[in-house]
Amino acid sequence: MRKLIISFCLVIPQVIFSQTLKEVHLLPYIAYINFENAFQKEYTGVFGIYGYYGVGLKHSFEAGADFTQINFGTRDLEVSEEVIRFNEFKINQLDLTAVYNNFQLLNLQLRAGIHTIITDDSLTNNAIIVFGGVKRYRSNIYNAGIDIYGSFYNNYAPNLKAVQITATFGFNFGNYYQSGSFYAETRGHYINLSEEAGFGETQFPSIEQSLFYYYKKFTMEAFFWIGYQLFAVQNNGFVVYNLAERHLGAYGGTIKFGLSNKASIKIKISRARFKELGLDEIVKSTSVVLITGFSL
């Protein structure tokens, strides 16, 4: 699967040979996530990089790679007057993503991508997520689209499949040159599992709301989502929650500052809630993400 994604990255730019490369953006990032009330989960560290290649006005290609380490601490559990010790351990994970976007049809964006997971977690190792979508848009006015994600976890017995449908609607308002402009976006997610995965349900709906504010070199965002998610795909296919955890919602914000015409820095802080498999406690997490951006 790694060879397939690498081939995808190499072939697409070569196929589009008749146009000139217009844009190249690189975004390295790091993240730290802390957990409260979890049985063993203590903290997670992430390091990754995202790349964007714009070819002419009709094609673009995106790729991402990130390494995640999830740290679990030692815990003692008393069962019938006996103490069972769960020793500390770590899960290392590599995520690879590739996406192709096509803008050849007027005011229409078509996209297709693939995401694969290489992890120490035996149940989700070598998982594959394929996705595609279509979006209707008018630049700086509105956009509306739908994306479909198919996740395949073949190490489950029986094999576990997840289908996610995400509908998006967003619109712009305000005056960028006077007091700043806004962009509001609403997303509805529906996840259907082929098998019950420990939480007694196979269908998980949720809704997400974001509001962006743009003024000169600043961009700010506030967001939240409510509902239920399990094996969810987020961030347009670049983030996959592959552990069996029932997510209950999140909120947060970002602030971005342009350092120059070719460099920027962004920080994102969020709080989330979820339940672990077989446990009733609600776990709370705090994540901090630092993203730097470069245009070449």
C-alpha atoms as a PDB file:
ATOM      1  CA  MET A   1       0.000   0.000   0.000  1.00  0.00           C
ATOM      2  CA  ARG A   2       2.894   2.372   0.687  1.00  0.00           C
ATOM      3  CA  LYS A   3       4.170   1.696  -2.836  1.00  0.00           C
ATOM      4  CA  LEU A   4       0.698   2.450  -4.230  1.00  0.00           C
ATOM      5  CA  ILE A   5       0.544   5.859  -2.543  1.00  0.00           C
ATOM      6  CA  ILE A   6       4.098   6.739  -3.628  1.00  0.00           C
ATOM      7  CA  SER A   7       3.240   5.759  -7.211  1.00  0.00           C
ATOM      8  CA  PHE A   8       0.098   7.891  -7.023  1.00  0.00           C
ATOM      9  CA  CYS A   9       2.211  10.858  -5.887  1.00  0.00           C
ATOM     10  CA  LEU A  10       4.610  10.422  -8.819  1.00  0.00           C
ATOM     11  CA  VAL A  11       2.208   9.600 -11.634  1.00  0.00           C
ATOM     12  CA  ILE A  12      -0.408  12.363 -11.265  1.00  0.00           C
ATOM     13  CA  PRO A  13       1.984  15.315 -11.843  1.00  0.00           C
ATOM     14  CA  GLN A  14       3.495  13.493 -14.831  1.00  0.00           C
ATOM     15  CA  VAL A  15       0.097  12.817 -16.392  1.00  0.00           C
ATOM     16  CA  ILE A  16      -0.742  16.517 -16.240  1.00  0.00           C
ATOM     17  CA  PHE A  17       2.244  17.383 -18.397  1.00  0.00           C
ATOM     18  CA  SER A  18       0.692  20.164 -20.445  1.00  0.00           C
ATOM     19  CA  GLN A  19       0.447  22.722 -17.633  1.00  0.00           C
ATOM     20  CA  THR A  20       2.977  24.587 -15.540  1.00  0.00           C
ATOM     21  CA  LEU A  21       3.350  24.103 -11.831  1.00  0.00           C
ATOM     22  CA  LYS A  22       1.937  27.215 -10.168  1.00  0.00           C
ATOM     23  CA  GLU A  23       1.900  26.611  -6.424  1.00  0.00           C
ATOM     24  CA  VAL A  24       3.865  24.620  -3.873  1.00  0.00           C
ATOM     25  CA  HIS A  25       3.031  24.755  -0.159  1.00  0.00           C
ATOM     26  CA  LEU A  26       4.582  22.786   2.700  1.00  0.00           C
ATOM     27  CA  LEU A  27       3.131  22.649   6.229  1.00  0.00           C
ATOM     28  CA  PRO A  28       5.167  20.830   8.895  1.00  0.00           C
ATOM     29  CA  TYR A  29       3.316  20.418  12.202  1.00  0.00           C
ATOM     30  CA  ILE A  30       3.611  18.977  15.688  1.00  0.00           C
ATOM     31  CA  ALA A  31       0.871  18.136  18.179  1.00  0.00           C
ATOM     32  CA  TYR A  32       0.539  17.115  21.803  1.00  0.00           C
ATOM     33  CA  ILE A  33      -2.611  15.536  23.261  1.00  0.00           C
ATOM     34  CA  ASN A  34      -3.187  14.983  26.976  1.00  0.00           C
ATOM     35  CA  PHE A  35      -5.889  12.661  28.374  1.00  0.00           C
ATOM     36  CA  GLU A  36      -7.894  12.979  31.599  1.00  0.00           C
ATOM     37  CA  ASN A  37      -9.898  10.122  33.145  1.00  0.00           C
ATOM     38  CA  ALA A  38      -8.563   7.511  30.728  1.00  0.00           C
ATOM     39  CA  PHE A  39      -7.884   3.990  31.997  1.00  0.00           C
ATOM     40  CA  GLN A  40      -4.312   3.784  30.644  1.00  0.00           C
ATOM     41  CA  LYS A  41      -3.995   6.409  27.934  1.00  0.00           C
ATOM     42  CA  GLU A  42      -1.790   9.273  29.112  1.00  0.00           C
ATOM     43  CA  TYR A  43      -0.583  11.402  26.205  1.00  0.00           C
ATOM     44  CA  THR A  44       0.036  11.385  22.467  1.00  0.00           C
ATOM     45  CA  GLY A  45       2.666  13.088  20.344  1.00  0.00           C
ATOM     46  CA  VAL A  46       2.354  13.714  16.607  1.00  0.00           C
ATOM     47  CA  PHE A  47       4.803  14.952  14.008  1.00  0.00           C
ATOM     48  CA  GLY A  48       3.821  15.356  10.378  1.00  0.00           C
ATOM     49  CA  ILE A  49       4.024  17.243   7.118  1.00  0.00           C
ATOM     50  CA  TYR A  50       1.409  18.243   4.548  1.00  0.00           C
ATOM     51  CA  GLY A  51       2.207  19.224   0.967  1.00  0.00           C
ATOM     52  CA  TYR A  52       0.144  20.921  -1.737  1.00  0.00           C
ATOM     53  CA  TYR A  53       0.991  21.127  -5.451  1.00  0.00           C
ATOM     54  CA  GLY A  54      -1.127  23.302  -7.729  1.00  0.00           C
ATOM     55  CA  VAL A  55      -0.756  22.564 -11.450  1.00  0.00           C
ATOM     56  CA  GLY A  56      -2.250  25.328 -13.595  1.00  0.00           C
ATOM     57  CA  LEU A  57      -5.820  26.254 -12.708  1.00  0.00           C
ATOM     58  CA  LYS A  58      -7.410  22.838 -13.156  1.00  0.00           C
ATOM     59  CA  HIS A  59      -5.440  20.353 -11.096  1.00  0.00           C
ATOM     60  CA  SER A  60      -3.943  20.086  -7.628  1.00  0.00           C
ATOM     61  CA  PHE A  61      -2.359  17.300  -5.649  1.00  0.00           C
ATOM     62  CA  GLU A  62      -2.115  16.909  -1.863  1.00  0.00           C
ATOM     63  CA  ALA A  63      -0.066  14.513   0.246  1.00  0.00           C
ATOM     64  CA  GLY A  64       0.455  14.020   3.945  1.00  0.00           C
ATOM     65  CA  ALA A  65       2.542  11.857   6.235  1.00  0.00           C
ATOM     66  CA  ASP A  66       2.499  11.852  10.024  1.00  0.00           C
ATOM     67  CA  PHE A  67       3.973   9.759  12.806  1.00  0.00           C
ATOM     68  CA  THR A  68       1.965   9.281  16.006  1.00  0.00           C
ATOM     69  CA  GLN A  69       3.006   7.779  19.330  1.00  0.00           C
ATOM     70  CA  ILE A  70       0.295   7.003  21.894  1.00  0.00           C
ATOM     71  CA  ASN A  71       1.587   6.421  25.431  1.00  0.00           C
ATOM     72  CA  PHE A  72      -0.232   4.177  27.915  1.00  0.00           C
ATOM     73  CA  GLY A  73       0.740   4.121  31.598  1.00  0.00           C
ATOM     74  CA  THR A  74       0.750   1.379  34.239  1.00  0.00           C
ATOM     75  CA  ARG A  75      -2.616   0.739  35.901  1.00  0.00           C
ATOM     76  CA  ASP A  76      -3.821  -1.624  38.632  1.00  0.00           C
ATOM     77  CA  LEU A  77      -7.331  -3.070  38.493  1.00  0.00           C
ATOM     78  CA  GLU A  78      -8.873  -4.863  41.485  1.00  0.00           C
ATOM     79  CA  VAL A  79     -11.141  -7.772  40.536  1.00  0.00           C
ATOM     80  CA  SER A  80     -12.597 -10.055  43.246  1.00  0.00           C
ATOM     81  CA  GLU A  81      -9.938  -8.959  45.741  1.00  0.00           C
ATOM     82  CA  GLU A  82      -7.198  -9.698  43.243  1.00  0.00           C
ATOM     83  CA  VAL A  83      -5.102  -6.947  41.672  1.00  0.00           C
ATOM     84  CA  ILE A  84      -4.435  -7.157  37.955  1.00  0.00           C
ATOM     85  CA  ARG A  85      -1.599  -4.983  36.690  1.00  0.00           C
ATOM     86  CA  PHE A  86      -1.671  -3.496  33.189  1.00  0.00           C
ATOM     87  CA  ASN A  87       1.867  -2.540  32.249  1.00  0.00           C
ATOM     88  CA  GLU A  88       2.774   0.590  30.307  1.00  0.00           C
ATOM     89  CA  PHE A  89       3.145   0.362  26.539  1.00  0.00           C
ATOM     90  CA  LYS A  90       3.212   2.518  23.423  1.00  0.00           C
ATOM     91  CA  ILE A  91       1.483   2.411  20.059  1.00  0.00           C
ATOM     92  CA  ASN A  92       3.471   3.798  17.134  1.00  0.00           C
ATOM     93  CA  GLN A  93       1.587   4.701  13.983  1.00  0.00           C
ATOM     94  CA  LEU A  94       2.353   6.031  10.514  1.00  0.00           C
ATOM     95  CA  ASP A  95      -0.413   7.606   8.395  1.00  0.00           C
ATOM     96  CA  LEU A  96       0.027   8.260   4.665  1.00  0.00           C
ATOM     97  CA  THR A  97      -2.477  10.205   2.566  1.00  0.00           C
ATOM     98  CA  ALA A  98      -2.670  11.217  -1.100  1.00  0.00           C
ATOM     99  CA  VAL A  99      -5.421  13.305  -2.753  1.00  0.00           C
ATOM    100  CA  TYR A 100      -6.052  14.518  -6.312  1.00  0.00           C
ATOM    101  CA  ASN A 101      -8.335  17.503  -7.067  1.00  0.00           C
ATOM    102  CA  ASN A 102      -9.773  18.390 -10.464  1.00  0.00           C
ATOM    103  CA  PHE A 103     -11.298  21.788 -11.397  1.00  0.00           C
ATOM    104  CA  GLN A 104     -11.846  21.291 -15.138  1.00  0.00           C
ATOM    105  CA  LEU A 105     -15.630  21.637 -14.920  1.00  0.00           C
ATOM    106  CA  LEU A 106     -16.862  25.186 -14.311  1.00  0.00           C
ATOM    107  CA  ASN A 107     -17.408  25.956 -10.605  1.00  0.00           C
ATOM    108  CA  LEU A 108     -17.026  22.280  -9.750  1.00  0.00           C
ATOM    109  CA  GLN A 109     -14.332  20.481  -7.743  1.00  0.00           C
ATOM    110  CA  LEU A 110     -13.856  16.719  -7.978  1.00  0.00           C
ATOM    111  CA  ARG A 111     -11.534  14.937  -5.560  1.00  0.00           C
ATOM    112  CA  ALA A 112     -10.325  11.401  -4.899  1.00  0.00           C
ATOM    113  CA  GLY A 113      -7.890  10.083  -2.335  1.00  0.00           C
ATOM    114  CA  ILE A 114      -6.467   7.228  -0.334  1.00  0.00           C
ATOM    115  CA  HIS A 115      -5.255   6.967   3.267  1.00  0.00           C
ATOM    116  CA  THR A 116      -3.402   4.029   4.797  1.00  0.00           C
ATOM    117  CA  ILE A 117      -2.395   3.236   8.382  1.00  0.00           C
ATOM    118  CA  ILE A 118       0.680   1.298   9.506  1.00  0.00           C
ATOM    119  CA  THR A 119       0.441   0.762  13.264  1.00  0.00           C
ATOM    120  CA  ASP A 120       1.376  -1.433  16.236  1.00  0.00           C
ATOM    121  CA  ASP A 121      -2.345  -1.839  16.918  1.00  0.00           C
ATOM    122  CA  SER A 122      -2.964  -5.282  15.415  1.00  0.00           C
ATOM    123  CA  LEU A 123      -6.674  -4.735  14.721  1.00  0.00           C
ATOM    124  CA  THR A 124      -6.197  -1.606  12.595  1.00  0.00           C
ATOM    125  CA  ASN A 125      -2.775  -2.224  11.067  1.00  0.00           C
ATOM    126  CA  ASN A 126      -2.774  -1.896   7.255  1.00  0.00           C
ATOM    127  CA  ALA A 127      -6.211  -0.297   7.284  1.00  0.00           C
ATOM    128  CA  ILE A 128      -7.148   1.431   4.030  1.00  0.00           C
ATOM    129  CA  ILE A 129      -9.463   4.405   3.609  1.00  0.00           C
ATOM    130  CA  VAL A 130     -10.550   5.414   0.103  1.00  0.00           C
ATOM    131  CA  PHE A 131     -12.650   8.481  -0.573  1.00  0.00           C
ATOM    132  CA  GLY A 132     -14.045  10.809  -3.188  1.00  0.00           C
ATOM    133  CA  GLY A 133     -16.229  13.859  -3.376  1.00  0.00           C
ATOM    134  CA  VAL A 134     -17.758  16.607  -5.425  1.00  0.00           C
ATOM    135  CA  LYS A 135     -18.175  20.272  -4.514  1.00  0.00           C
ATOM    136  CA  ARG A 136     -20.106  23.064  -6.218  1.00  0.00           C
ATOM    137  CA  TYR A 137     -18.685  26.516  -5.485  1.00  0.00           C
ATOM    138  CA  ARG A 138     -18.618  30.196  -6.377  1.00  0.00           C
ATOM    139  CA  SER A 139     -15.339  31.752  -5.304  1.00  0.00           C
ATOM    140  CA  ASN A 140     -15.713  33.919  -2.171  1.00  0.00           C
ATOM    141  CA  ILE A 141     -19.500  33.381  -2.186  1.00  0.00           C
ATOM    142  CA  TYR A 142     -20.522  29.810  -1.251  1.00  0.00           C
ATOM    143  CA  ASN A 143     -19.755  26.111  -1.624  1.00  0.00           C
ATOM    144  CA  ALA A 144     -21.766  22.918  -1.175  1.00  0.00           C
ATOM    145  CA  GLY A 145     -20.496  19.382  -1.488  1.00  0.00           C
ATOM    146  CA  ILE A 146     -20.573  15.771  -0.445  1.00  0.00           C
ATOM    147  CA  ASP A 147     -17.758  13.332   0.339  1.00  0.00           C
ATOM    148  CA  ILE A 148     -17.920   9.562   0.803  1.00  0.00           C
ATOM    149  CA  TYR A 149     -15.292   7.626   2.768  1.00  0.00           C
ATOM    150  CA  GLY A 150     -14.890   3.855   2.821  1.00  0.00           C
ATOM    151  CA  SER A 151     -12.708   2.466   5.636  1.00  0.00           C
ATOM    152  CA  PHE A 152     -11.546  -1.149   5.553  1.00  0.00           C
ATOM    153  CA  TYR A 153     -10.172  -2.834   8.698  1.00  0.00           C
ATOM    154  CA  ASN A 154      -9.396  -6.337   7.465  1.00  0.00           C
ATOM    155  CA  ASN A 155      -7.699  -7.514  10.682  1.00  0.00           C
ATOM    156  CA  TYR A 156     -10.997  -7.493  12.556  1.00  0.00           C
ATOM    157  CA  ALA A 157     -12.883 -10.809  12.670  1.00  0.00           C
ATOM    158  CA  PRO A 158     -15.151 -10.501  10.810  1.00  0.00           C
ATOM    159  CA  ASN A 159     -13.679  -7.760   8.645  1.00  0.00           C
ATOM    160  CA  LEU A 160     -14.898  -4.339   9.722  1.00  0.00           C
ATOM    161  CA  LYS A 161     -15.991  -1.772   7.158  1.00  0.00           C
ATOM    162  CA  ALA A 162     -17.100   1.806   7.805  1.00  0.00           C
ATOM    163  CA  VAL A 163     -18.919   4.049   5.352  1.00  0.00           C
ATOM    164  CA  GLN A 164     -18.969   7.768   6.152  1.00  0.00           C
ATOM    165  CA  ILE A 165     -20.980  10.384   4.279  1.00  0.00           C
ATOM    166  CA  THR A 166     -20.089  14.027   4.924  1.00  0.00           C
ATOM    167  CA  ALA A 167     -22.210  16.862   3.534  1.00  0.00           C
ATOM    168  CA  THR A 168     -20.784  20.399   3.596  1.00  0.00           C
ATOM    169  CA  PHE A 169     -22.237  23.860   3.093  1.00  0.00           C
ATOM    170  CA  GLY A 170     -20.300  27.090   3.555  1.00  0.00           C
ATOM    171  CA  PHE A 171     -20.718  30.760   2.667  1.00  0.00           C
ATOM    172  CA  ASN A 172     -18.701  33.982   2.848  1.00  0.00           C
ATOM    173  CA  PHE A 173     -19.792  37.364   4.188  1.00  0.00           C
ATOM    174  CA  GLY A 174     -18.243  40.634   5.323  1.00  0.00           C
ATOM    175  CA  ASN A 175     -15.715  42.956   3.657  1.00  0.00           C
ATOM    176  CA  TYR A 176     -12.074  41.823   3.813  1.00  0.00           C
ATOM    177  CA  TYR A 177     -10.693  45.293   2.977  1.00  0.00           C
ATOM    178  CA  GLN A 178     -12.727  47.211   5.553  1.00  0.00           C
ATOM    179  CA  SER A 179     -13.342  45.267   8.762  1.00  0.00           C
ATOM    180  CA  GLY A 180     -12.483  41.725   7.678  1.00  0.00           C
ATOM    181  CA  SER A 181     -14.420  38.876   6.104  1.00  0.00           C
ATOM    182  CA  PHE A 182     -16.059  35.741   7.509  1.00  0.00           C
ATOM    183  CA  TYR A 183     -16.608  32.208   6.305  1.00  0.00           C
ATOM    184  CA  ALA A 184     -19.189  29.961   7.999  1.00  0.00           C
ATOM    185  CA  GLU A 185     -19.230  26.226   7.354  1.00  0.00           C
ATOM    186  CA  THR A 186     -21.611  23.480   8.461  1.00  0.00           C
ATOM    187  CA  ARG A 187     -20.836  19.786   8.086  1.00  0.00           C
ATOM    188  CA  GLY A 188     -23.080  16.814   8.732  1.00  0.00           C
ATOM    189  CA  HIS A 189     -21.487  13.378   9.195  1.00  0.00           C
ATOM    190  CA  TYR A 190     -23.111   9.964   9.086  1.00  0.00           C
ATOM    191  CA  ILE A 191     -21.092   6.809   9.833  1.00  0.00           C
ATOM    192  CA  ASN A 192     -22.371   3.271   9.279  1.00  0.00           C
ATOM    193  CA  LEU A 193     -20.378   0.229  10.451  1.00  0.00           C
ATOM    194  CA  SER A 194     -20.699  -3.212   8.898  1.00  0.00           C
ATOM    195  CA  GLU A 195     -20.433  -4.783  12.359  1.00  0.00           C
ATOM    196  CA  GLU A 196     -21.083  -3.674  15.914  1.00  0.00           C
ATOM    197  CA  ALA A 197     -17.661  -2.784  17.365  1.00  0.00           C
ATOM    198  CA  GLY A 198     -18.283  -2.953  21.104  1.00  0.00           C
ATOM    199  CA  PHE A 199     -20.636  -0.026  21.706  1.00  0.00           C
ATOM    200  CA  GLY A 200     -23.933  -1.692  20.764  1.00  0.00           C
ATOM    201  CA  GLU A 201     -24.541   0.542  17.726  1.00  0.00           C
ATOM    202  CA  THR A 202     -23.611   0.636  14.061  1.00  0.00           C
ATOM    203  CA  GLN A 203     -24.866   4.136  13.115  1.00  0.00           C
ATOM    204  CA  PHE A 204     -23.273   7.375  14.309  1.00  0.00           C
ATOM    205  CA  PRO A 205     -24.528  10.863  13.267  1.00  0.00           C
ATOM    206  CA  SER A 206     -22.894  14.178  14.126  1.00  0.00           C
ATOM    207  CA  ILE A 207     -22.890  17.823  13.062  1.00  0.00           C
ATOM    208  CA  GLU A 208     -19.998  20.276  12.953  1.00  0.00           C
ATOM    209  CA  GLN A 209     -19.953  24.079  12.804  1.00  0.00           C
ATOM    210  CA  SER A 210     -16.996  26.360  12.052  1.00  0.00           C
ATOM    211  CA  LEU A 211     -16.600  30.123  11.724  1.00  0.00           C
ATOM    212  CA  PHE A 212     -13.500  31.738  10.187  1.00  0.00           C
ATOM    213  CA  TYR A 213     -12.480  35.400  10.352  1.00  0.00           C
ATOM    214  CA  TYR A 214      -9.925  36.904   7.945  1.00  0.00           C
ATOM    215  CA  TYR A 215      -8.298  40.302   8.436  1.00  0.00           C
ATOM    216  CA  LYS A 216      -4.991  41.347   6.921  1.00  0.00           C
ATOM    217  CA  LYS A 217      -2.357  38.868   8.162  1.00  0.00           C
ATOM    218  CA  PHE A 218      -4.669  37.245  10.729  1.00  0.00           C
ATOM    219  CA  THR A 219      -7.003  34.284  10.400  1.00  0.00           C
ATOM    220  CA  MET A 220      -9.056  33.055  13.361  1.00  0.00           C
ATOM    221  CA  GLU A 221     -11.394  30.083  13.652  1.00  0.00           C
ATOM    222  CA  ALA A 222     -13.847  28.784  16.248  1.00  0.00           C
ATOM    223  CA  PHE A 223     -15.489  25.378  15.895  1.00  0.00           C
ATOM    224  CA  PHE A 224     -17.465  22.673  17.663  1.00  0.00           C
ATOM    225  CA  TRP A 225     -19.125  19.386  16.828  1.00  0.00           C
ATOM    226  CA  ILE A 226     -21.760  17.359  18.660  1.00  0.00           C
ATOM    227  CA  GLY A 227     -23.132  13.876  18.179  1.00  0.00           C
ATOM    228  CA  TYR A 228     -21.407  10.511  17.988  1.00  0.00           C
ATOM    229  CA  GLN A 229     -18.478   9.237  15.934  1.00  0.00           C
ATOM    230  CA  LEU A 230     -16.680   5.887  15.741  1.00  0.00           C
ATOM    231  CA  PHE A 231     -13.883   5.150  13.237  1.00  0.00           C
ATOM    232  CA  ALA A 232     -14.432   8.661  11.901  1.00  0.00           C
ATOM    233  CA  VAL A 233     -12.540  10.349   9.071  1.00  0.00           C
ATOM    234  CA  GLN A 234     -11.865  14.054   9.555  1.00  0.00           C
ATOM    235  CA  ASN A 235      -9.926  16.917   7.968  1.00  0.00           C
ATOM    236  CA  ASN A 236     -10.925  15.924   4.424  1.00  0.00           C
ATOM    237  CA  GLY A 237      -9.396  12.456   4.681  1.00  0.00           C
ATOM    238  CA  PHE A 238      -6.124  13.349   6.406  1.00  0.00           C
ATOM    239  CA  VAL A 239      -7.165  12.384   9.965  1.00  0.00           C
ATOM    240  CA  VAL A 240      -8.566   8.936  10.838  1.00  0.00           C
ATOM    241  CA  TYR A 241      -9.658   7.838  14.317  1.00  0.00           C
ATOM    242  CA  ASN A 242      -8.849   4.143  14.002  1.00  0.00           C
ATOM    243  CA  LEU A 243      -9.101   3.015  17.651  1.00  0.00           C
ATOM    244  CA  ALA A 244     -12.387   1.666  19.048  1.00  0.00           C
ATOM    245  CA  GLU A 245     -13.456   4.798  20.930  1.00  0.00           C
ATOM    246  CA  ARG A 246     -16.906   6.415  20.855  1.00  0.00           C
ATOM    247  CA  HIS A 247     -16.295  10.131  20.383  1.00  0.00           C
ATOM    248  CA  LEU A 248     -18.896  12.470  21.859  1.00  0.00           C
ATOM    249  CA  GLY A 249     -17.942  15.944  20.626  1.00  0.00           C
ATOM    250  CA  ALA A 250     -15.262  18.603  20.657  1.00  0.00           C
ATOM    251  CA  TYR A 251     -14.722  22.355  20.527  1.00  0.00           C
ATOM    252  CA  GLY A 252     -11.778  24.669  19.998  1.00  0.00           C
ATOM    253  CA  GLY A 253     -10.174  27.381  17.949  1.00  0.00           C
ATOM    254  CA  THR A 254      -7.195  28.380  15.862  1.00  0.00           C
ATOM    255  CA  ILE A 255      -5.268  31.535  15.179  1.00  0.00           C
ATOM    256  CA  LYS A 256      -2.997  32.004  12.183  1.00  0.00           C
ATOM    257  CA  PHE A 257      -0.535  34.825  11.531  1.00  0.00           C
ATOM    258  CA  GLY A 258       1.146  35.541   8.201  1.00  0.00           C
ATOM    259  CA  LEU A 259       4.843  36.180   8.786  1.00  0.00           C
ATOM    260  CA  SER A 260       5.375  37.164   5.140  1.00  0.00           C
ATOM    261  CA  ASN A 261       3.891  36.448   1.723  1.00  0.00           C
ATOM    262  CA  LYS A 262       5.484  32.991   1.857  1.00  0.00           C
ATOM    263  CA  ALA A 263       5.462  31.999   5.529  1.00  0.00           C
ATOM    264  CA  SER A 264       2.879  31.644   8.288  1.00  0.00           C
ATOM    265  CA  ILE A 265       2.397  30.113  11.710  1.00  0.00           C
ATOM    266  CA  LYS A 266      -0.792  28.690  13.224  1.00  0.00           C
ATOM    267  CA  ILE A 267      -1.760  27.272  16.593  1.00  0.00           C
ATOM    268  CA  LYS A 268      -4.847  25.171  17.274  1.00  0.00           C
ATOM    269  CA  ILE A 269      -6.231  24.265  20.700  1.00  0.00           C
ATOM    270  CA  SER A 270      -9.176  21.934  21.229  1.00  0.00           C
ATOM    271  CA  ARG A 271     -11.016  19.938  23.886  1.00  0.00           C
ATOM    272  CA  ALA A 272     -12.753  16.638  23.145  1.00  0.00           C
ATOM    273  CA  ARG A 273     -14.734  13.893  24.915  1.00  0.00           C
ATOM    274  CA  PHE A 274     -14.933  10.157  24.230  1.00  0.00           C
ATOM    275  CA  LYS A 275     -15.603   6.772  25.827  1.00  0.00           C
ATOM    276  CA  GLU A 276     -13.172   3.885  25.803  1.00  0.00           C
ATOM    277  CA  LEU A 277     -14.248   0.369  24.869  1.00  0.00           C
ATOM    278  CA  GLY A 278     -15.870  -1.453  27.816  1.00  0.00           C
ATOM    279  CA  LEU A 279     -15.658   1.518  30.201  1.00  0.00           C
ATOM    280  CA  ASP A 280     -18.278   4.010  31.406  1.00  0.00           C
ATOM    281  CA  GLU A 281     -15.983   6.917  32.261  1.00  0.00           C
ATOM    282  CA  ILE A 282     -15.967   9.890  29.891  1.00  0.00           C
ATOM    283  CA  VAL A 283     -12.406  10.708  28.879  1.00  0.00           C
ATOM    284  CA  LYS A 284     -11.484  14.326  28.200  1.00  0.00           C
ATOM    285  CA  SER A 285      -8.565  15.323  26.015  1.00  0.00           C
ATOM    286  CA  THR A 286      -6.754  18.586  25.347  1.00  0.00           C
ATOM    287  CA  SER A 287      -4.782  18.966  22.146  1.00  0.00           C
ATOM    288  CA  VAL A 288      -2.356  21.652  21.039  1.00  0.00           C
ATOM    289  CA  VAL A 289      -1.184  21.757  17.425  1.00  0.00           C
ATOM    290  CA  LEU A 290       1.525  24.032  16.019  1.00  0.00           C
ATOM    291  CA  ILE A 291       1.618  24.404  12.237  1.00  0.00           C
ATOM    292  CA  THR A 292       4.135  26.327  10.158  1.00  0.00           C
ATOM    293  CA  GLY A 293       3.510  27.084   6.489  1.00  0.00           C
ATOM    294  CA  PHE A 294       5.898  27.777   3.615  1.00  0.00           C
ATOM    295  CA  SER A 295       5.236  28.650  -0.027  1.00  0.00           C
ATOM    296  CA  LEU A 296       7.962  27.820  -2.541  1.00  0.00           C
END
